[in-house]
C-alpha cells in the first residue's frame, strides 16, 4: 500500500493546488497564500507518512 499510495496522494494534492495557482495572476495575494499552503502541506504530508509508515532502523528500535 505504501509505495503506490504515497505518490498518488501527493500528486492529487499537488495537482489541485497547481490548478488553483494557474488561475491566479502572478502578483495576486491569493497566489502567495497558496504557495505558502503548498509548502506547509508538503511538511504535513511528510509527518503523516512518517507516522503511518514508521521508518525502521537502529534509531527507532
PDB file of N, CA and C in Angstrom:
ATOM      1  N   UNK A   1       0.821  -1.191   0.000  1.00  0.00           N
ATOM      2  CA  UNK A   1       0.000   0.000   0.000  1.00  0.00           C
ATOM      3  C   UNK A   1       0.863   1.252   0.000  1.00  0.00           C
ATOM      4  N   UNK A   2       1.903   1.275   0.735  1.00  0.00           N
ATOM      5  CA  UNK A   2       2.723   2.467   0.895  1.00  0.00           C
ATOM      6  C   UNK A   2       3.316   2.955  -0.411  1.00  0.00           C
ATOM      7  N   UNK A   3       3.896   2.084  -1.189  1.00  0.00           N
ATOM      8  CA  UNK A   3       4.603   2.510  -2.393  1.00  0.00           C
ATOM      9  C   UNK A   3       3.672   3.131  -3.434  1.00  0.00           C
ATOM     10  N   UNK A   4       2.446   2.645  -3.577  1.00  0.00           N
ATOM     11  CA  UNK A   4       1.541   3.224  -4.567  1.00  0.00           C
ATOM     12  C   UNK A   4       0.697   4.345  -3.978  1.00  0.00           C
ATOM     13  N   UNK A   5       0.394   4.280  -2.695  1.00  0.00           N
ATOM     14  CA  UNK A   5      -0.453   5.281  -2.052  1.00  0.00           C
ATOM     15  C   UNK A   5       0.253   6.622  -1.943  1.00  0.00           C
ATOM     16  N   UNK A   6       1.474   6.616  -1.502  1.00  0.00           N
ATOM     17  CA  UNK A   6       2.203   7.854  -1.227  1.00  0.00           C
ATOM     18  C   UNK A   6       2.294   8.777  -2.439  1.00  0.00           C
ATOM     19  N   UNK A   7       2.818   8.320  -3.577  1.00  0.00           N
ATOM     20  CA  UNK A   7       2.923   9.231  -4.718  1.00  0.00           C
ATOM     21  C   UNK A   7       1.560   9.694  -5.230  1.00  0.00           C
ATOM     22  N   UNK A   8       0.578   8.809  -5.258  1.00  0.00           N
ATOM     23  CA  UNK A   8      -0.742   9.164  -5.756  1.00  0.00           C
ATOM     24  C   UNK A   8      -1.370  10.246  -4.893  1.00  0.00           C
ATOM     25  N   UNK A   9      -1.276  10.109  -3.591  1.00  0.00           N
ATOM     26  CA  UNK A   9      -1.834  11.081  -2.657  1.00  0.00           C
ATOM     27  C   UNK A   9      -1.188  12.444  -2.858  1.00  0.00           C
ATOM     28  N   UNK A  10       0.136  12.466  -2.905  1.00  0.00           N
ATOM     29  CA  UNK A  10       0.862  13.728  -3.108  1.00  0.00           C
ATOM     30  C   UNK A  10       0.519  14.351  -4.458  1.00  0.00           C
ATOM     31  N   UNK A  11       0.465  13.531  -5.499  1.00  0.00           N
ATOM     32  CA  UNK A  11       0.183  14.049  -6.835  1.00  0.00           C
ATOM     33  C   UNK A  11      -1.198  14.689  -6.922  1.00  0.00           C
ATOM     34  N   UNK A  12      -2.186  14.068  -6.307  1.00  0.00           N
ATOM     35  CA  UNK A  12      -3.537  14.624  -6.341  1.00  0.00           C
ATOM     36  C   UNK A  12      -3.592  15.974  -5.640  1.00  0.00           C
ATOM     37  N   UNK A  13      -2.969  16.065  -4.478  1.00  0.00           N
ATOM     38  CA  UNK A  13      -2.981  17.329  -3.748  1.00  0.00           C
ATOM     39  C   UNK A  13      -2.194  18.408  -4.482  1.00  0.00           C
ATOM     40  N   UNK A  14      -1.047  18.036  -5.022  1.00  0.00           N
ATOM     41  CA  UNK A  14      -0.223  18.992  -5.772  1.00  0.00           C
ATOM     42  C   UNK A  14      -0.977  19.484  -7.008  1.00  0.00           C
ATOM     43  N   UNK A  15      -1.627  18.572  -7.712  1.00  0.00           N
ATOM     44  CA  UNK A  15      -2.363  18.928  -8.926  1.00  0.00           C
ATOM     45  C   UNK A  15      -3.472  19.921  -8.609  1.00  0.00           C
ATOM     46  N   UNK A  16      -4.176  19.686  -7.513  1.00  0.00           N
ATOM     47  CA  UNK A  16      -5.256  20.582  -7.121  1.00  0.00           C
ATOM     48  C   UNK A  16      -4.711  21.983  -6.825  1.00  0.00           C
ATOM     49  N   UNK A  17      -3.611  22.063  -6.095  1.00  0.00           N
ATOM     50  CA  UNK A  17      -3.003  23.357  -5.803  1.00  0.00           C
ATOM     51  C   UNK A  17      -2.492  24.031  -7.072  1.00  0.00           C
ATOM     52  N   UNK A  18      -1.863  23.286  -7.954  1.00  0.00           N
ATOM     53  CA  UNK A  18      -1.330  23.859  -9.191  1.00  0.00           C
ATOM     54  C   UNK A  18      -2.447  24.391 -10.085  1.00  0.00           C
ATOM     55  N   UNK A  19      -3.571  23.714 -10.098  1.00  0.00           N
ATOM     56  CA  UNK A  19      -4.718  24.185 -10.870  1.00  0.00           C
ATOM     57  C   UNK A  19      -5.209  25.517 -10.328  1.00  0.00           C
ATOM     58  N   UNK A  20      -5.291  25.615  -9.017  1.00  0.00           N
ATOM     59  CA  UNK A  20      -5.718  26.871  -8.397  1.00  0.00           C
ATOM     60  C   UNK A  20      -4.702  27.981  -8.633  1.00  0.00           C
ATOM     61  N   UNK A  21      -3.414  27.650  -8.556  1.00  0.00           N
ATOM     62  CA  UNK A  21      -2.362  28.644  -8.784  1.00  0.00           C
ATOM     63  C   UNK A  21      -2.387  29.161 -10.223  1.00  0.00           C
ATOM     64  N   UNK A  22      -2.625  28.290 -11.177  1.00  0.00           N
ATOM     65  CA  UNK A  22      -2.619  28.671 -12.589  1.00  0.00           C
ATOM     66  C   UNK A  22      -3.715  29.686 -12.915  1.00  0.00           C
ATOM     67  N   UNK A  23      -4.782  29.661 -12.150  1.00  0.00           N
ATOM     68  CA  UNK A  23      -5.900  30.566 -12.400  1.00  0.00           C
ATOM     69  C   UNK A  23      -5.663  31.969 -11.837  1.00  0.00           C
ATOM     70  N   UNK A  24      -4.603  32.139 -11.056  1.00  0.00           N
ATOM     71  CA  UNK A  24      -4.341  33.426 -10.407  1.00  0.00           C
ATOM     72  C   UNK A  24      -3.245  34.201 -11.130  1.00  0.00           C
ATOM     73  N   UNK A  25      -3.319  35.521 -11.017  1.00  0.00           N
ATOM     74  CA  UNK A  25      -2.266  36.370 -11.578  1.00  0.00           C
ATOM     75  C   UNK A  25      -1.005  36.240 -10.735  1.00  0.00           C
ATOM     76  N   UNK A  26       0.129  36.507 -11.361  1.00  0.00           N
ATOM     77  CA  UNK A  26       1.442  36.339 -10.717  1.00  0.00           C
ATOM     78  C   UNK A  26       1.574  37.136  -9.417  1.00  0.00           C
ATOM     79  N   UNK A  27       1.034  38.349  -9.372  1.00  0.00           N
ATOM     80  CA  UNK A  27       1.192  39.202  -8.190  1.00  0.00           C
ATOM     81  C   UNK A  27      -0.013  39.164  -7.253  1.00  0.00           C
ATOM     82  N   UNK A  28      -0.869  38.194  -7.411  1.00  0.00           N
ATOM     83  CA  UNK A  28      -2.059  38.066  -6.573  1.00  0.00           C
ATOM     84  C   UNK A  28      -1.685  37.666  -5.148  1.00  0.00           C
ATOM     85  N   UNK A  29      -2.293  38.331  -4.143  1.00  0.00           N
ATOM     86  CA  UNK A  29      -2.043  37.929  -2.748  1.00  0.00           C
ATOM     87  C   UNK A  29      -2.499  36.490  -2.476  1.00  0.00           C
ATOM     88  N   UNK A  30      -3.527  36.066  -3.171  1.00  0.00           N
ATOM     89  CA  UNK A  30      -4.004  34.687  -3.008  1.00  0.00           C
ATOM     90  C   UNK A  30      -2.946  33.690  -3.471  1.00  0.00           C
ATOM     91  N   UNK A  31      -2.195  34.065  -4.500  1.00  0.00           N
ATOM     92  CA  UNK A  31      -1.141  33.188  -5.025  1.00  0.00           C
ATOM     93  C   UNK A  31      -0.061  32.966  -3.971  1.00  0.00           C
ATOM     94  N   UNK A  32       0.347  34.038  -3.308  1.00  0.00           N
ATOM     95  CA  UNK A  32       1.356  33.926  -2.252  1.00  0.00           C
ATOM     96  C   UNK A  32       0.851  33.029  -1.130  1.00  0.00           C
ATOM     97  N   UNK A  33      -0.411  33.171  -0.801  1.00  0.00           N
ATOM     98  CA  UNK A  33      -1.005  32.342   0.247  1.00  0.00           C
ATOM     99  C   UNK A  33      -1.025  30.867  -0.157  1.00  0.00           C
ATOM    100  N   UNK A  34      -1.378  30.587  -1.405  1.00  0.00           N
ATOM    101  CA  UNK A  34      -1.409  29.200  -1.879  1.00  0.00           C
ATOM    102  C   UNK A  34      -0.015  28.588  -1.918  1.00  0.00           C
ATOM    103  N   UNK A  35       0.980  29.372  -2.303  1.00  0.00           N
ATOM    104  CA  UNK A  35       2.356  28.863  -2.308  1.00  0.00           C
ATOM    105  C   UNK A  35       2.800  28.510  -0.893  1.00  0.00           C
ATOM    106  N   UNK A  36       2.396  29.340   0.066  1.00  0.00           N
ATOM    107  CA  UNK A  36       2.704  29.057   1.466  1.00  0.00           C
ATOM    108  C   UNK A  36       1.980  27.788   1.926  1.00  0.00           C
ATOM    109  N   UNK A  37       0.734  27.642   1.533  1.00  0.00           N
ATOM    110  CA  UNK A  37      -0.028  26.434   1.876  1.00  0.00           C
ATOM    111  C   UNK A  37       0.617  25.194   1.278  1.00  0.00           C
ATOM    112  N   UNK A  38       1.135  25.319   0.061  1.00  0.00           N
ATOM    113  CA  UNK A  38       1.786  24.187  -0.597  1.00  0.00           C
ATOM    114  C   UNK A  38       3.002  23.716   0.200  1.00  0.00           C
ATOM    115  N   UNK A  39       3.785  24.663   0.690  1.00  0.00           N
ATOM    116  CA  UNK A  39       4.966  24.305   1.485  1.00  0.00           C
ATOM    117  C   UNK A  39       4.553  23.632   2.794  1.00  0.00           C
ATOM    118  N   UNK A  40       3.538  24.184   3.453  1.00  0.00           N
ATOM    119  CA  UNK A  40       3.063  23.587   4.709  1.00  0.00           C
ATOM    120  C   UNK A  40       2.461  22.210   4.460  1.00  0.00           C
ATOM    121  N   UNK A  41       1.747  22.071   3.360  1.00  0.00           N
ATOM    122  CA  UNK A  41       1.136  20.787   3.014  1.00  0.00           C
ATOM    123  C   UNK A  41       2.194  19.709   2.827  1.00  0.00           C
ATOM    124  N   UNK A  42       3.279  20.045   2.142  1.00  0.00           N
ATOM    125  CA  UNK A  42       4.375  19.087   1.969  1.00  0.00           C
ATOM    126  C   UNK A  42       4.915  18.628   3.319  1.00  0.00           C
ATOM    127  N   UNK A  43       5.101  19.579   4.233  1.00  0.00           N
ATOM    128  CA  UNK A  43       5.601  19.232   5.565  1.00  0.00           C
ATOM    129  C   UNK A  43       4.620  18.331   6.317  1.00  0.00           C
ATOM    130  N   UNK A  44       3.333  18.670   6.246  1.00  0.00           N
ATOM    131  CA  UNK A  44       2.329  17.880   6.961  1.00  0.00           C
ATOM    132  C   UNK A  44       2.213  16.471   6.388  1.00  0.00           C
ATOM    133  N   UNK A  45       2.272  16.343   5.066  1.00  0.00           N
ATOM    134  CA  UNK A  45       2.196  15.017   4.441  1.00  0.00           C
ATOM    135  C   UNK A  45       3.394  14.174   4.847  1.00  0.00           C
ATOM    136  N   UNK A  46       4.562  14.792   4.870  1.00  0.00           N
ATOM    137  CA  UNK A  46       5.769  14.070   5.274  1.00  0.00           C
ATOM    138  C   UNK A  46       5.637  13.558   6.705  1.00  0.00           C
ATOM    139  N   UNK A  47       5.138  14.408   7.613  1.00  0.00           N
ATOM    140  CA  UNK A  47       4.959  13.977   9.006  1.00  0.00           C
ATOM    141  C   UNK A  47       3.917  12.869   9.110  1.00  0.00           C
ATOM    142  N   UNK A  48       2.823  12.993   8.379  1.00  0.00           N
ATOM    143  CA  UNK A  48       1.777  11.974   8.403  1.00  0.00           C
ATOM    144  C   UNK A  48       2.296  10.643   7.878  1.00  0.00           C
ATOM    145  N   UNK A  49       3.053  10.693   6.796  1.00  0.00           N
ATOM    146  CA  UNK A  49       3.622   9.462   6.253  1.00  0.00           C
ATOM    147  C   UNK A  49       4.580   8.820   7.245  1.00  0.00           C
ATOM    148  N   UNK A  50       5.314   9.624   7.969  1.00  0.00           N
ATOM    149  CA  UNK A  50       6.247   9.082   8.957  1.00  0.00           C
ATOM    150  C   UNK A  50       5.479   8.337  10.047  1.00  0.00           C
ATOM    151  N   UNK A  51       4.329   8.891  10.452  1.00  0.00           N
ATOM    152  CA  UNK A  51       3.514   8.242  11.483  1.00  0.00           C
ATOM    153  C   UNK A  51       2.854   6.977  10.930  1.00  0.00           C
ATOM    154  N   UNK A  52       2.287   7.077   9.734  1.00  0.00           N
ATOM    155  CA  UNK A  52       1.585   5.928   9.155  1.00  0.00           C
ATOM    156  C   UNK A  52       2.520   4.805   8.738  1.00  0.00           C
ATOM    157  N   UNK A  53       3.668   5.180   8.208  1.00  0.00           N
ATOM    158  CA  UNK A  53       4.620   4.205   7.685  1.00  0.00           C
ATOM    159  C   UNK A  53       5.934   4.375   8.433  1.00  0.00           C
ATOM    160  N   UNK A  54       5.875   4.121   9.735  1.00  0.00           N
ATOM    161  CA  UNK A  54       7.021   4.360  10.616  1.00  0.00           C
ATOM    162  C   UNK A  54       8.293   3.722  10.068  1.00  0.00           C
ATOM    163  N   UNK A  55       9.328   4.549   9.930  1.00  0.00           N
ATOM    164  CA  UNK A  55      10.601   4.010   9.434  1.00  0.00           C
ATOM    165  C   UNK A  55      11.180   2.985  10.402  1.00  0.00           C
ATOM    166  N   UNK A  56      11.958   2.091   9.882  1.00  0.00           N
ATOM    167  CA  UNK A  56      12.629   1.128  10.748  1.00  0.00           C
ATOM    168  C   UNK A  56      14.124   1.374  10.658  1.00  0.00           C
ATOM    169  N   UNK A  57      14.811   0.970  11.663  1.00  0.00           N
ATOM    170  CA  UNK A  57      16.259   1.160  11.696  1.00  0.00           C
ATOM    171  C   UNK A  57      16.729   1.233  13.130  1.00  0.00           C
ATOM    172  N   UNK A  58      18.015   1.327  13.315  1.00  0.00           N
ATOM    173  CA  UNK A  58      18.570   1.306  14.665  1.00  0.00           C
ATOM    174  C   UNK A  58      18.085   2.487  15.500  1.00  0.00           C
ATOM    175  N   UNK A  59      17.816   3.623  14.878  1.00  0.00           N
ATOM    176  CA  UNK A  59      17.360   4.795  15.622  1.00  0.00           C
ATOM    177  C   UNK A  59      15.990   4.546  16.248  1.00  0.00           C
ATOM    178  N   UNK A  60      15.149   3.750  15.602  1.00  0.00           N
ATOM    179  CA  UNK A  60      13.771   3.556  16.045  1.00  0.00           C
ATOM    180  C   UNK A  60      13.561   2.292  16.869  1.00  0.00           C
ATOM    181  N   UNK A  61      14.606   1.602  17.215  1.00  0.00           N
ATOM    182  CA  UNK A  61      14.442   0.356  17.977  1.00  0.00           C
ATOM    183  C   UNK A  61      14.576   0.598  19.456  1.00  0.00           C
TER     184      UNK A  61
END
